[in-house]
């Protein structure tokens, strides 16, 4: 897994660590998510069932919750309904199956705030949670704008707009996630393995050569006609940094 990203630190208004509750009956998934969220400096608790989630929500008082819809005892929709009925308005990010369109609609209608579909990238989940907590006012950051900047390159995490100089750049979803990860770690070398961990879906079984391919796509779109921002560190990985 990658080191903590160099993005503005998110904290509670009192300066303490944000609390996130991760609820899923797949142990591997909760472990992966917990590791990624702790690397953001957040306090993370997990629950493997709906009833455990309700108990943890009462005791832990999270600032956000990652909630799987499909669970064996009490599904995510029922958990959300009980939370809202008790007056708990914690922001909820639903995890849904790729083809479960009805679940997504029902989850948002029932009071869920956002959703990601399985399999997802860890970077996407972190970004969605940051957005949810920022909009809910539960998180403070030194930079109130959801914009990352490296030199004359800017990336808006909410609108997904990417601009270099005065030119807007269109990126695919994967290119955007890769650029966001590089920019959140600017002036820090990240390896191919770290990029695969955070940018590609957690069950991706492909080879690291896909990273080289997508770095080349980004360079053509970001660096063409400009002084390069994306650099290869031979034998180690990649880094993005502003020109000296």
Protein backbone atom coordinates (compact mmCIF):
# COMPACT_ATOMS: atom_id res chain seq x y z
CA UNK A 1 0.00 0.00 0.00
CA UNK A 2 1.03 3.57 -0.57
CA UNK A 3 2.21 6.11 1.95
CA UNK A 4 -0.10 8.81 3.16
CA UNK A 5 -1.08 11.15 0.35
CA UNK A 6 0.24 14.70 0.33
CA UNK A 7 -3.19 16.28 0.12
CA UNK A 8 -4.54 18.81 2.62
CA UNK A 9 -5.15 17.04 5.94
CA UNK A 10 -8.78 16.39 6.87
CA UNK A 11 -9.64 16.53 10.56
CA UNK A 12 -12.63 17.05 12.82
CA UNK A 13 -13.31 20.68 13.81
CA UNK A 14 -11.51 20.03 17.12
CA UNK A 15 -8.42 18.78 15.28
CA UNK A 16 -8.91 15.10 16.13
CA UNK A 17 -8.91 12.33 13.53
CA UNK A 18 -12.01 11.77 11.43
CA UNK A 19 -13.90 8.58 12.24
CA UNK A 20 -15.07 6.20 9.52
CA UNK A 21 -17.06 3.01 10.04
CA UNK A 22 -16.61 0.34 7.34
CA UNK A 23 -19.38 -2.26 7.13
CA UNK A 24 -19.04 -5.33 4.91
CA UNK A 25 -19.25 -9.08 5.52
CA UNK A 26 -16.18 -9.70 3.30
CA UNK A 27 -13.18 -9.61 5.65
CA UNK A 28 -10.67 -9.08 2.83
CA UNK A 29 -12.57 -6.01 1.68
CA UNK A 30 -12.87 -4.44 5.13
CA UNK A 31 -9.15 -5.02 5.68
CA UNK A 32 -8.23 -3.32 2.39
CA UNK A 33 -10.53 -0.37 3.02
CA UNK A 34 -9.37 0.02 6.61
CA UNK A 35 -5.73 0.12 5.55
CA UNK A 36 -6.38 2.73 2.87
CA UNK A 37 -8.43 4.95 5.19
CA UNK A 38 -5.94 4.73 8.06
CA UNK A 39 -3.28 5.93 5.65
CA UNK A 40 -5.33 9.11 5.39
CA UNK A 41 -4.84 9.54 9.14
CA UNK A 42 -8.44 8.58 9.91
CA UNK A 43 -9.70 6.51 12.83
CA UNK A 44 -11.38 3.40 11.36
CA UNK A 45 -13.67 0.78 12.87
CA UNK A 46 -15.19 -2.19 11.03
CA UNK A 47 -18.33 -4.27 11.32
CA UNK A 48 -19.17 -7.51 9.56
CA UNK A 49 -22.96 -7.46 9.88
CA UNK A 50 -25.88 -5.06 9.94
CA UNK A 51 -26.57 -5.47 13.65
CA UNK A 52 -22.88 -4.97 14.49
CA UNK A 53 -22.96 -1.83 12.33
CA UNK A 54 -25.83 -0.33 14.34
CA UNK A 55 -24.03 -1.06 17.59
CA UNK A 56 -20.74 0.39 16.30
CA UNK A 57 -22.51 3.51 14.97
CA UNK A 58 -23.87 4.19 18.47
CA UNK A 59 -20.58 3.59 20.27
CA UNK A 60 -18.09 4.97 17.72
CA UNK A 61 -20.14 7.97 16.45
CA UNK A 62 -18.50 7.99 12.99
CA UNK A 63 -18.20 11.03 10.72
CA UNK A 64 -18.92 8.83 7.69
CA UNK A 65 -19.89 5.24 6.98
CA UNK A 66 -19.02 2.85 4.16
CA UNK A 67 -21.96 0.44 4.01
CA UNK A 68 -22.39 -2.67 1.88
CA UNK A 69 -25.97 -3.15 0.70
CA UNK A 70 -25.90 -6.95 0.58
CA UNK A 71 -25.32 -8.53 4.01
CA UNK A 72 -26.64 -11.78 5.48
CA UNK A 73 -28.51 -10.61 8.58
CA UNK A 74 -29.64 -7.00 8.13
CA UNK A 75 -28.96 -5.46 4.74
CA UNK A 76 -27.48 -2.00 4.22
CA UNK A 77 -30.84 -0.47 3.34
CA UNK A 78 -32.36 -1.63 6.64
CA UNK A 79 -29.30 -0.39 8.55
CA UNK A 80 -29.65 3.03 6.93
CA UNK A 81 -33.38 3.20 7.68
CA UNK A 82 -32.79 2.42 11.36
CA UNK A 83 -30.01 5.00 11.57
CA UNK A 84 -32.16 7.72 10.02
CA UNK A 85 -35.17 6.75 12.17
CA UNK A 86 -33.01 7.20 15.28
CA UNK A 87 -31.93 10.66 14.12
CA UNK A 88 -28.44 9.67 12.99
CA UNK A 89 -27.63 11.61 9.80
CA UNK A 90 -24.07 10.30 9.32
CA UNK A 91 -23.05 10.50 5.62
CA UNK A 92 -23.29 7.03 4.05
CA UNK A 93 -21.34 5.73 1.06
CA UNK A 94 -23.03 2.57 -0.25
CA UNK A 95 -21.14 -0.34 -1.82
CA UNK A 96 -23.26 -1.95 -4.53
CA UNK A 97 -22.93 -4.72 -7.11
CA UNK A 98 -22.00 -3.54 -10.58
CA UNK A 99 -25.39 -4.35 -12.13
CA UNK A 100 -27.59 -3.47 -9.13
CA UNK A 101 -29.12 -0.28 -10.53
CA UNK A 102 -32.29 -0.70 -8.46
CA UNK A 103 -30.20 -0.95 -5.27
CA UNK A 104 -28.41 2.30 -6.06
CA UNK A 105 -31.66 4.17 -6.67
CA UNK A 106 -33.27 2.69 -3.55
CA UNK A 107 -30.21 3.47 -1.43
CA UNK A 108 -30.08 7.12 -2.46
CA UNK A 109 -33.85 7.46 -2.08
CA UNK A 110 -33.65 5.98 1.44
CA UNK A 111 -31.16 8.64 2.50
CA UNK A 112 -27.80 7.34 1.33
CA UNK A 113 -25.42 10.07 0.18
CA UNK A 114 -23.38 8.35 -2.54
CA UNK A 115 -22.40 4.93 -3.86
CA UNK A 116 -19.55 3.08 -5.54
CA UNK A 117 -19.91 -0.15 -7.45
CA UNK A 118 -17.87 -3.29 -6.81
CA UNK A 119 -15.12 -3.82 -7.78
CA UNK A 120 -13.87 -0.30 -7.02
CA UNK A 121 -10.52 1.41 -6.59
CA UNK A 122 -9.42 2.39 -3.10
CA UNK A 123 -8.55 5.87 -4.37
CA UNK A 124 -12.14 6.34 -5.54
CA UNK A 125 -13.55 5.40 -2.11
CA UNK A 126 -11.17 7.78 -0.32
CA UNK A 127 -12.08 10.60 -2.69
CA UNK A 128 -15.84 9.99 -2.31
CA UNK A 129 -15.55 9.99 1.49
CA UNK A 130 -13.53 13.20 1.48
CA UNK A 131 -16.23 14.81 -0.65
CA UNK A 132 -19.06 13.55 1.57
CA UNK A 133 -17.45 14.77 4.79
CA UNK A 134 -16.45 18.10 3.28
CA UNK A 135 -20.00 18.76 2.05
CA UNK A 136 -21.50 17.62 5.37
CA UNK A 137 -19.27 20.06 7.23
CA UNK A 138 -17.87 17.33 9.47
CA UNK A 139 -14.32 17.75 8.14
CA UNK A 140 -12.02 20.74 8.14
CA UNK A 141 -9.08 21.23 5.82
CA UNK A 142 -6.54 23.97 5.29
CA UNK A 143 -7.83 24.27 1.72
CA UNK A 144 -11.60 24.61 1.42
CA UNK A 145 -11.53 24.04 -2.34
CA UNK A 146 -11.60 20.48 -3.72
CA UNK A 147 -8.81 21.43 -6.14
CA UNK A 148 -5.36 19.89 -6.44
CA UNK A 149 -2.62 21.92 -8.14
CA UNK A 150 0.82 21.12 -9.51
CA UNK A 151 2.36 24.05 -11.36
CA UNK A 152 -0.16 25.25 -13.95
CA UNK A 153 -2.10 21.97 -13.76
CA UNK A 154 -5.30 21.85 -11.68
CA UNK A 155 -7.71 19.01 -10.93
CA UNK A 156 -11.15 19.54 -9.39
CA UNK A 157 -12.11 16.46 -7.36
CA UNK A 158 -15.81 17.35 -7.34
CA UNK A 159 -16.43 18.40 -10.96
CA UNK A 160 -13.65 16.18 -12.41
CA UNK A 161 -12.40 19.13 -14.48
CA UNK A 162 -8.71 19.06 -15.35
CA UNK A 163 -7.01 22.17 -16.73
CA UNK A 164 -3.42 22.89 -17.73
CA UNK A 165 -2.74 26.55 -18.36
CA UNK A 166 -5.89 27.73 -20.11
CA UNK A 167 -6.66 24.37 -21.78
CA UNK A 168 -9.24 21.93 -20.41
CA UNK A 169 -8.16 18.29 -20.68
CA UNK A 170 -10.54 15.38 -21.12
CA UNK A 171 -9.55 12.22 -19.27
CA UNK A 172 -11.05 8.76 -18.97
CA UNK A 173 -12.13 7.61 -15.49
CA UNK A 174 -8.93 5.61 -14.98
CA UNK A 175 -6.70 8.41 -16.27
CA UNK A 176 -8.41 10.80 -13.84
CA UNK A 177 -7.86 8.47 -10.87
CA UNK A 178 -4.22 7.97 -11.82
CA UNK A 179 -3.61 11.72 -12.17
CA UNK A 180 -5.40 12.42 -8.89
CA UNK A 181 -3.23 9.87 -7.09
CA UNK A 182 -0.04 11.35 -8.54
CA UNK A 183 -1.13 14.89 -7.66
CA UNK A 184 -2.07 13.94 -4.10
CA UNK A 185 1.48 12.61 -3.81
CA UNK A 186 3.28 15.38 -5.65
CA UNK A 187 7.08 15.42 -5.35
CA UNK A 188 6.86 11.86 -3.96
CA UNK A 189 7.90 8.80 -5.95
CA UNK A 190 5.16 6.15 -6.16
CA UNK A 191 5.84 2.64 -7.41
CA UNK A 192 3.81 0.67 -9.94
CA UNK A 193 2.64 -1.62 -7.14
CA UNK A 194 1.40 1.36 -5.11
CA UNK A 195 -0.42 2.74 -8.14
CA UNK A 196 -2.08 -0.61 -8.84
CA UNK A 197 -3.15 -0.84 -5.17
CA UNK A 198 -4.86 2.53 -5.17
CA UNK A 199 -6.00 3.28 -8.73
CA UNK A 200 -7.10 -0.06 -10.16
CA UNK A 201 -9.97 -2.15 -8.83
CA UNK A 202 -9.05 -4.18 -5.75
CA UNK A 203 -9.55 -7.48 -7.61
CA UNK A 204 -7.54 -6.44 -10.69
CA UNK A 205 -5.37 -9.35 -11.77
CA UNK A 206 -3.46 -7.69 -14.59
CA UNK A 207 0.24 -6.94 -14.91
CA UNK A 208 2.03 -3.77 -13.89
CA UNK A 209 2.67 -2.97 -17.57
CA UNK A 210 -0.82 -1.43 -17.60
CA UNK A 211 0.58 1.36 -15.39
CA UNK A 212 3.24 2.19 -17.98
CA UNK A 213 0.54 2.32 -20.64
CA UNK A 214 -1.66 4.73 -18.69
CA UNK A 215 1.29 6.91 -17.72
CA UNK A 216 2.01 7.27 -21.44
CA UNK A 217 -1.64 8.23 -22.08
CA UNK A 218 -1.45 10.89 -19.36
CA UNK A 219 1.81 12.30 -20.67
CA UNK A 220 0.30 12.76 -24.13
CA UNK A 221 -2.65 14.67 -22.67
CA UNK A 222 -0.97 16.55 -19.82
CA UNK A 223 2.58 17.24 -20.94
CA UNK A 224 2.24 17.59 -24.72
CA UNK A 225 3.46 21.08 -25.69
CA UNK A 226 4.44 21.91 -22.09
CA UNK A 227 7.38 21.43 -19.80
CA UNK A 228 6.87 17.91 -18.41
CA UNK A 229 5.29 17.43 -15.00
CA UNK A 230 5.25 13.60 -14.93
CA UNK A 231 8.67 12.04 -14.41
CA UNK A 232 9.97 8.46 -14.42
CA UNK A 233 12.39 7.53 -11.64
CA UNK A 234 14.21 4.55 -13.13
CA UNK A 235 13.76 1.33 -11.21
CA UNK A 236 11.51 3.00 -8.63
CA UNK A 237 8.35 4.50 -10.11
CA UNK A 238 6.80 7.82 -11.10
CA UNK A 239 6.54 11.31 -9.69
CA UNK A 240 4.67 14.50 -10.57
CA UNK A 241 6.22 17.85 -9.74
CA UNK A 242 6.11 21.45 -10.89
CA UNK A 243 9.01 22.71 -13.04
CA UNK A 244 11.84 24.38 -11.09
